[in-house]
PDB file of N, CA and C in Angstrom:
ATOM      1  N   MET A   1      11.400 -31.337  31.220  1.00  0.00           N
ATOM      2  CA  MET A   1      10.532 -30.610  30.314  1.00  0.00           C
ATOM      3  C   MET A   1      10.060 -31.578  29.226  1.00  0.00           C
ATOM      4  N   SER A   2       8.756 -31.519  28.903  1.00  0.00           N
ATOM      5  CA  SER A   2       8.195 -32.435  27.914  1.00  0.00           C
ATOM      6  C   SER A   2       8.361 -31.888  26.497  1.00  0.00           C
ATOM      7  N   GLU A   3       8.239 -32.783  25.544  1.00  0.00           N
ATOM      8  CA  GLU A   3       8.336 -32.414  24.121  1.00  0.00           C
ATOM      9  C   GLU A   3       7.090 -31.620  23.720  1.00  0.00           C
ATOM     10  N   PRO A   4       7.239 -30.597  22.863  1.00  0.00           N
ATOM     11  CA  PRO A   4       6.067 -29.838  22.417  1.00  0.00           C
ATOM     12  C   PRO A   4       5.182 -30.693  21.514  1.00  0.00           C
ATOM     13  N   ASP A   5       3.877 -30.465  21.567  1.00  0.00           N
ATOM     14  CA  ASP A   5       2.916 -31.184  20.731  1.00  0.00           C
ATOM     15  C   ASP A   5       2.844 -30.492  19.368  1.00  0.00           C
ATOM     16  N   VAL A   6       3.437 -31.108  18.371  1.00  0.00           N
ATOM     17  CA  VAL A   6       3.480 -30.509  17.033  1.00  0.00           C
ATOM     18  C   VAL A   6       2.345 -30.993  16.142  1.00  0.00           C
ATOM     19  N   SER A   7       1.457 -31.820  16.674  1.00  0.00           N
ATOM     20  CA  SER A   7       0.388 -32.383  15.852  1.00  0.00           C
ATOM     21  C   SER A   7      -0.519 -31.294  15.273  1.00  0.00           C
ATOM     22  N   LYS A   8      -0.787 -30.217  16.028  1.00  0.00           N
ATOM     23  CA  LYS A   8      -1.632 -29.133  15.514  1.00  0.00           C
ATOM     24  C   LYS A   8      -0.950 -28.411  14.359  1.00  0.00           C
ATOM     25  N   VAL A   9       0.340 -28.220  14.462  1.00  0.00           N
ATOM     26  CA  VAL A   9       1.086 -27.559  13.387  1.00  0.00           C
ATOM     27  C   VAL A   9       1.111 -28.440  12.150  1.00  0.00           C
ATOM     28  N   LEU A  10       1.357 -29.712  12.316  1.00  0.00           N
ATOM     29  CA  LEU A  10       1.397 -30.629  11.179  1.00  0.00           C
ATOM     30  C   LEU A  10       0.039 -30.732  10.498  1.00  0.00           C
ATOM     31  N   ARG A  11      -1.025 -30.626  11.263  1.00  0.00           N
ATOM     32  CA  ARG A  11      -2.370 -30.687  10.692  1.00  0.00           C
ATOM     33  C   ARG A  11      -2.599 -29.524   9.732  1.00  0.00           C
ATOM     34  N   LEU A  12      -1.990 -28.358   9.979  1.00  0.00           N
ATOM     35  CA  LEU A  12      -2.135 -27.212   9.077  1.00  0.00           C
ATOM     36  C   LEU A  12      -1.661 -27.528   7.660  1.00  0.00           C
ATOM     37  N   PHE A  13      -0.652 -28.346   7.535  1.00  0.00           N
ATOM     38  CA  PHE A  13      -0.109 -28.672   6.220  1.00  0.00           C
ATOM     39  C   PHE A  13      -1.003 -29.626   5.444  1.00  0.00           C
ATOM     40  N   LYS A  14      -1.981 -30.205   6.109  1.00  0.00           N
ATOM     41  CA  LYS A  14      -2.906 -31.124   5.442  1.00  0.00           C
ATOM     42  C   LYS A  14      -4.209 -30.442   5.070  1.00  0.00           C
ATOM     43  N   GLU A  15      -4.428 -29.222   5.550  1.00  0.00           N
ATOM     44  CA  GLU A  15      -5.668 -28.496   5.284  1.00  0.00           C
ATOM     45  C   GLU A  15      -5.504 -27.537   4.113  1.00  0.00           C
ATOM     46  N   GLU A  16      -6.651 -27.160   3.544  1.00  0.00           N
ATOM     47  CA  GLU A  16      -6.644 -26.192   2.447  1.00  0.00           C
ATOM     48  C   GLU A  16      -6.201 -24.822   2.973  1.00  0.00           C
ATOM     49  N   VAL A  17      -5.375 -24.143   2.196  1.00  0.00           N
ATOM     50  CA  VAL A  17      -4.916 -22.811   2.570  1.00  0.00           C
ATOM     51  C   VAL A  17      -6.041 -21.820   2.309  1.00  0.00           C
ATOM     52  N   LYS A  18      -6.302 -20.948   3.285  1.00  0.00           N
ATOM     53  CA  LYS A  18      -7.296 -19.886   3.140  1.00  0.00           C
ATOM     54  C   LYS A  18      -6.609 -18.575   3.514  1.00  0.00           C
ATOM     55  N   VAL A  19      -6.753 -17.562   2.651  1.00  0.00           N
ATOM     56  CA  VAL A  19      -6.018 -16.311   2.829  1.00  0.00           C
ATOM     57  C   VAL A  19      -6.981 -15.133   2.823  1.00  0.00           C
ATOM     58  N   ILE A  20      -6.760 -14.198   3.734  1.00  0.00           N
ATOM     59  CA  ILE A  20      -7.420 -12.892   3.670  1.00  0.00           C
ATOM     60  C   ILE A  20      -6.337 -11.896   3.286  1.00  0.00           C
ATOM     61  N   ASN A  21      -6.454 -11.360   2.093  1.00  0.00           N
ATOM     62  CA  ASN A  21      -5.468 -10.423   1.572  1.00  0.00           C
ATOM     63  C   ASN A  21      -5.923  -8.995   1.847  1.00  0.00           C
ATOM     64  N   VAL A  22      -5.058  -8.211   2.461  1.00  0.00           N
ATOM     65  CA  VAL A  22      -5.384  -6.824   2.778  1.00  0.00           C
ATOM     66  C   VAL A  22      -4.452  -5.908   1.991  1.00  0.00           C
ATOM     67  N   GLY A  23      -5.022  -5.155   1.065  1.00  0.00           N
ATOM     68  CA  GLY A  23      -4.216  -4.157   0.381  1.00  0.00           C
ATOM     69  C   GLY A  23      -3.916  -4.458  -1.069  1.00  0.00           C
ATOM     70  N   LEU A  24      -2.861  -5.178  -1.319  1.00  0.00           N
ATOM     71  CA  LEU A  24      -2.373  -5.342  -2.690  1.00  0.00           C
ATOM     72  C   LEU A  24      -3.233  -6.320  -3.487  1.00  0.00           C
ATOM     73  N   GLU A  25      -4.010  -5.795  -4.403  1.00  0.00           N
ATOM     74  CA  GLU A  25      -4.886  -6.635  -5.219  1.00  0.00           C
ATOM     75  C   GLU A  25      -4.085  -7.589  -6.105  1.00  0.00           C
ATOM     76  N   TYR A  26      -2.912  -7.171  -6.550  1.00  0.00           N
ATOM     77  CA  TYR A  26      -2.061  -8.020  -7.379  1.00  0.00           C
ATOM     78  C   TYR A  26      -1.765  -9.349  -6.673  1.00  0.00           C
ATOM     79  N   PHE A  27      -1.442  -9.279  -5.394  1.00  0.00           N
ATOM     80  CA  PHE A  27      -1.141 -10.484  -4.620  1.00  0.00           C
ATOM     81  C   PHE A  27      -2.358 -11.402  -4.571  1.00  0.00           C
ATOM     82  N   TYR A  28      -3.529 -10.819  -4.352  1.00  0.00           N
ATOM     83  CA  TYR A  28      -4.778 -11.583  -4.325  1.00  0.00           C
ATOM     84  C   TYR A  28      -4.998 -12.300  -5.665  1.00  0.00           C
ATOM     85  N   LYS A  29      -4.833 -11.567  -6.761  1.00  0.00           N
ATOM     86  CA  LYS A  29      -5.049 -12.159  -8.084  1.00  0.00           C
ATOM     87  C   LYS A  29      -4.084 -13.312  -8.350  1.00  0.00           C
ATOM     88  N   GLU A  30      -2.846 -13.160  -7.927  1.00  0.00           N
ATOM     89  CA  GLU A  30      -1.870 -14.234  -8.121  1.00  0.00           C
ATOM     90  C   GLU A  30      -2.234 -15.473  -7.296  1.00  0.00           C
ATOM     91  N   LEU A  31      -2.725 -15.255  -6.087  1.00  0.00           N
ATOM     92  CA  LEU A  31      -3.179 -16.386  -5.265  1.00  0.00           C
ATOM     93  C   LEU A  31      -4.323 -17.117  -5.954  1.00  0.00           C
ATOM     94  N   ARG A  32      -5.290 -16.360  -6.479  1.00  0.00           N
ATOM     95  CA  ARG A  32      -6.447 -16.967  -7.145  1.00  0.00           C
ATOM     96  C   ARG A  32      -6.018 -17.755  -8.379  1.00  0.00           C
ATOM     97  N   LYS A  33      -5.033 -17.244  -9.121  1.00  0.00           N
ATOM     98  CA  LYS A  33      -4.526 -17.967 -10.296  1.00  0.00           C
ATOM     99  C   LYS A  33      -3.983 -19.332  -9.914  1.00  0.00           C
ATOM    100  N   GLN A  34      -3.469 -19.440  -8.682  1.00  0.00           N
ATOM    101  CA  GLN A  34      -2.898 -20.691  -8.195  1.00  0.00           C
ATOM    102  C   GLN A  34      -3.944 -21.569  -7.513  1.00  0.00           C
ATOM    103  N   GLY A  35      -5.204 -21.121  -7.528  1.00  0.00           N
ATOM    104  CA  GLY A  35      -6.273 -21.910  -6.946  1.00  0.00           C
ATOM    105  C   GLY A  35      -6.406 -21.783  -5.439  1.00  0.00           C
ATOM    106  N   VAL A  36      -5.779 -20.769  -4.859  1.00  0.00           N
ATOM    107  CA  VAL A  36      -5.854 -20.569  -3.415  1.00  0.00           C
ATOM    108  C   VAL A  36      -7.184 -19.894  -3.072  1.00  0.00           C
ATOM    109  N   ASN A  37      -7.849 -20.409  -2.046  1.00  0.00           N
ATOM    110  CA  ASN A  37      -9.089 -19.821  -1.558  1.00  0.00           C
ATOM    111  C   ASN A  37      -8.731 -18.521  -0.834  1.00  0.00           C
ATOM    112  N   ALA A  38      -9.063 -17.376  -1.464  1.00  0.00           N
ATOM    113  CA  ALA A  38      -8.639 -16.091  -0.911  1.00  0.00           C
ATOM    114  C   ALA A  38      -9.765 -15.075  -0.979  1.00  0.00           C
ATOM    115  N   ALA A  39      -9.770 -14.179  -0.013  1.00  0.00           N
ATOM    116  CA  ALA A  39     -10.687 -13.039   0.000  1.00  0.00           C
ATOM    117  C   ALA A  39      -9.828 -11.785  -0.039  1.00  0.00           C
ATOM    118  N   HIS A  40     -10.331 -10.757  -0.720  1.00  0.00           N
ATOM    119  CA  HIS A  40      -9.570  -9.526  -0.865  1.00  0.00           C
ATOM    120  C   HIS A  40     -10.278  -8.386  -0.135  1.00  0.00           C
ATOM    121  N   VAL A  41      -9.545  -7.657   0.682  1.00  0.00           N
ATOM    122  CA  VAL A  41     -10.065  -6.499   1.398  1.00  0.00           C
ATOM    123  C   VAL A  41      -9.392  -5.257   0.810  1.00  0.00           C
ATOM    124  N   ILE A  42     -10.212  -4.353   0.296  1.00  0.00           N
ATOM    125  CA  ILE A  42      -9.657  -3.116  -0.263  1.00  0.00           C
ATOM    126  C   ILE A  42      -9.366  -2.183   0.905  1.00  0.00           C
ATOM    127  N   TRP A  43      -8.108  -1.871   1.089  1.00  0.00           N
ATOM    128  CA  TRP A  43      -7.685  -1.024   2.205  1.00  0.00           C
ATOM    129  C   TRP A  43      -6.453  -0.247   1.801  1.00  0.00           C
ATOM    130  N   GLN A  44      -6.365   0.951   2.288  1.00  0.00           N
ATOM    131  CA  GLN A  44      -5.147   1.742   2.132  1.00  0.00           C
ATOM    132  C   GLN A  44      -4.994   2.629   3.357  1.00  0.00           C
ATOM    133  N   PRO A  45      -3.773   2.923   3.718  1.00  0.00           N
ATOM    134  CA  PRO A  45      -3.559   3.733   4.920  1.00  0.00           C
ATOM    135  C   PRO A  45      -4.163   5.125   4.774  1.00  0.00           C
ATOM    136  N   LYS A  46      -4.525   5.690   5.899  1.00  0.00           N
ATOM    137  CA  LYS A  46      -5.057   7.044   5.925  1.00  0.00           C
ATOM    138  C   LYS A  46      -3.998   8.005   5.384  1.00  0.00           C
ATOM    139  N   PRO A  47      -4.389   8.875   4.461  1.00  0.00           N
ATOM    140  CA  PRO A  47      -3.402   9.819   3.927  1.00  0.00           C
ATOM    141  C   PRO A  47      -2.954  10.804   5.000  1.00  0.00           C
ATOM    142  N   GLU A  48      -1.725  11.196   4.937  1.00  0.00           N
ATOM    143  CA  GLU A  48      -1.189  12.177   5.879  1.00  0.00           C
ATOM    144  C   GLU A  48      -1.615  13.566   5.413  1.00  0.00           C
ATOM    145  N   LEU A  49      -2.245  14.294   6.298  1.00  0.00           N
ATOM    146  CA  LEU A  49      -2.688  15.650   5.973  1.00  0.00           C
ATOM    147  C   LEU A  49      -1.913  16.654   6.809  1.00  0.00           C
ATOM    148  N   GLU A  50      -1.853  17.824   6.299  1.00  0.00           N
ATOM    149  CA  GLU A  50      -1.267  18.890   7.102  1.00  0.00           C
ATOM    150  C   GLU A  50      -2.188  19.138   8.284  1.00  0.00           C
ATOM    151  N   LYS A  51      -1.646  19.502   9.411  1.00  0.00           N
ATOM    152  CA  LYS A  51      -2.397  19.643  10.652  1.00  0.00           C
ATOM    153  C   LYS A  51      -3.582  20.590  10.507  1.00  0.00           C
ATOM    154  N   ASP A  52      -3.418  21.726   9.849  1.00  0.00           N
ATOM    155  CA  ASP A  52      -4.525  22.680   9.734  1.00  0.00           C
ATOM    156  C   ASP A  52      -5.661  22.116   8.877  1.00  0.00           C
ATOM    157  N   LEU A  53      -5.324  21.385   7.814  1.00  0.00           N
ATOM    158  CA  LEU A  53      -6.359  20.773   6.986  1.00  0.00           C
ATOM    159  C   LEU A  53      -7.081  19.665   7.750  1.00  0.00           C
ATOM    160  N   GLU A  54      -6.335  18.919   8.527  1.00  0.00           N
ATOM    161  CA  GLU A  54      -6.930  17.850   9.325  1.00  0.00           C
ATOM    162  C   GLU A  54      -7.922  18.431  10.339  1.00  0.00           C
ATOM    163  N   ASP A  55      -7.572  19.531  10.967  1.00  0.00           N
ATOM    164  CA  ASP A  55      -8.467  20.181  11.934  1.00  0.00           C
ATOM    165  C   ASP A  55      -9.748  20.665  11.265  1.00  0.00           C
ATOM    166  N   ILE A  56      -9.630  21.225  10.083  1.00  0.00           N
ATOM    167  CA  ILE A  56     -10.805  21.703   9.337  1.00  0.00           C
ATOM    168  C   ILE A  56     -11.708  20.530   9.001  1.00  0.00           C
ATOM    169  N   LEU A  57     -11.143  19.455   8.521  1.00  0.00           N
ATOM    170  CA  LEU A  57     -11.937  18.273   8.170  1.00  0.00           C
ATOM    171  C   LEU A  57     -12.647  17.687   9.372  1.00  0.00           C
ATOM    172  N   LYS A  58     -11.975  17.659  10.522  1.00  0.00           N
ATOM    173  CA  LYS A  58     -12.609  17.150  11.745  1.00  0.00           C
ATOM    174  C   LYS A  58     -13.813  17.983  12.122  1.00  0.00           C
ATOM    175  N   LYS A  59     -13.737  19.305  11.933  1.00  0.00           N
ATOM    176  CA  LYS A  59     -14.862  20.181  12.255  1.00  0.00           C
ATOM    177  C   LYS A  59     -16.027  19.950  11.299  1.00  0.00           C
ATOM    178  N   ILE A  60     -15.719  19.715  10.029  1.00  0.00           N
ATOM    179  CA  ILE A  60     -16.756  19.504   9.020  1.00  0.00           C
ATOM    180  C   ILE A  60     -17.443  18.163   9.228  1.00  0.00           C
ATOM    181  N   LEU A  61     -16.649  17.140   9.499  1.00  0.00           N
ATOM    182  CA  LEU A  61     -17.207  15.797   9.639  1.00  0.00           C
ATOM    183  C   LEU A  61     -17.657  15.596  11.053  1.00  0.00           C
TER     184      LEU A  61
END
């Protein structure tokens, strides 16, 4: 069995870090304070609804 090629992994440590942050804006702001190139995506999980309310909303929408 041959040795794994780690050159691609090592190259990552020489490149600028780029982050896509999903959810917590605080984390994004802290990254930016440190000079990290980051983009922030505003996202939150779908709220849990009671089944009857969910059915009504599906009919309306």
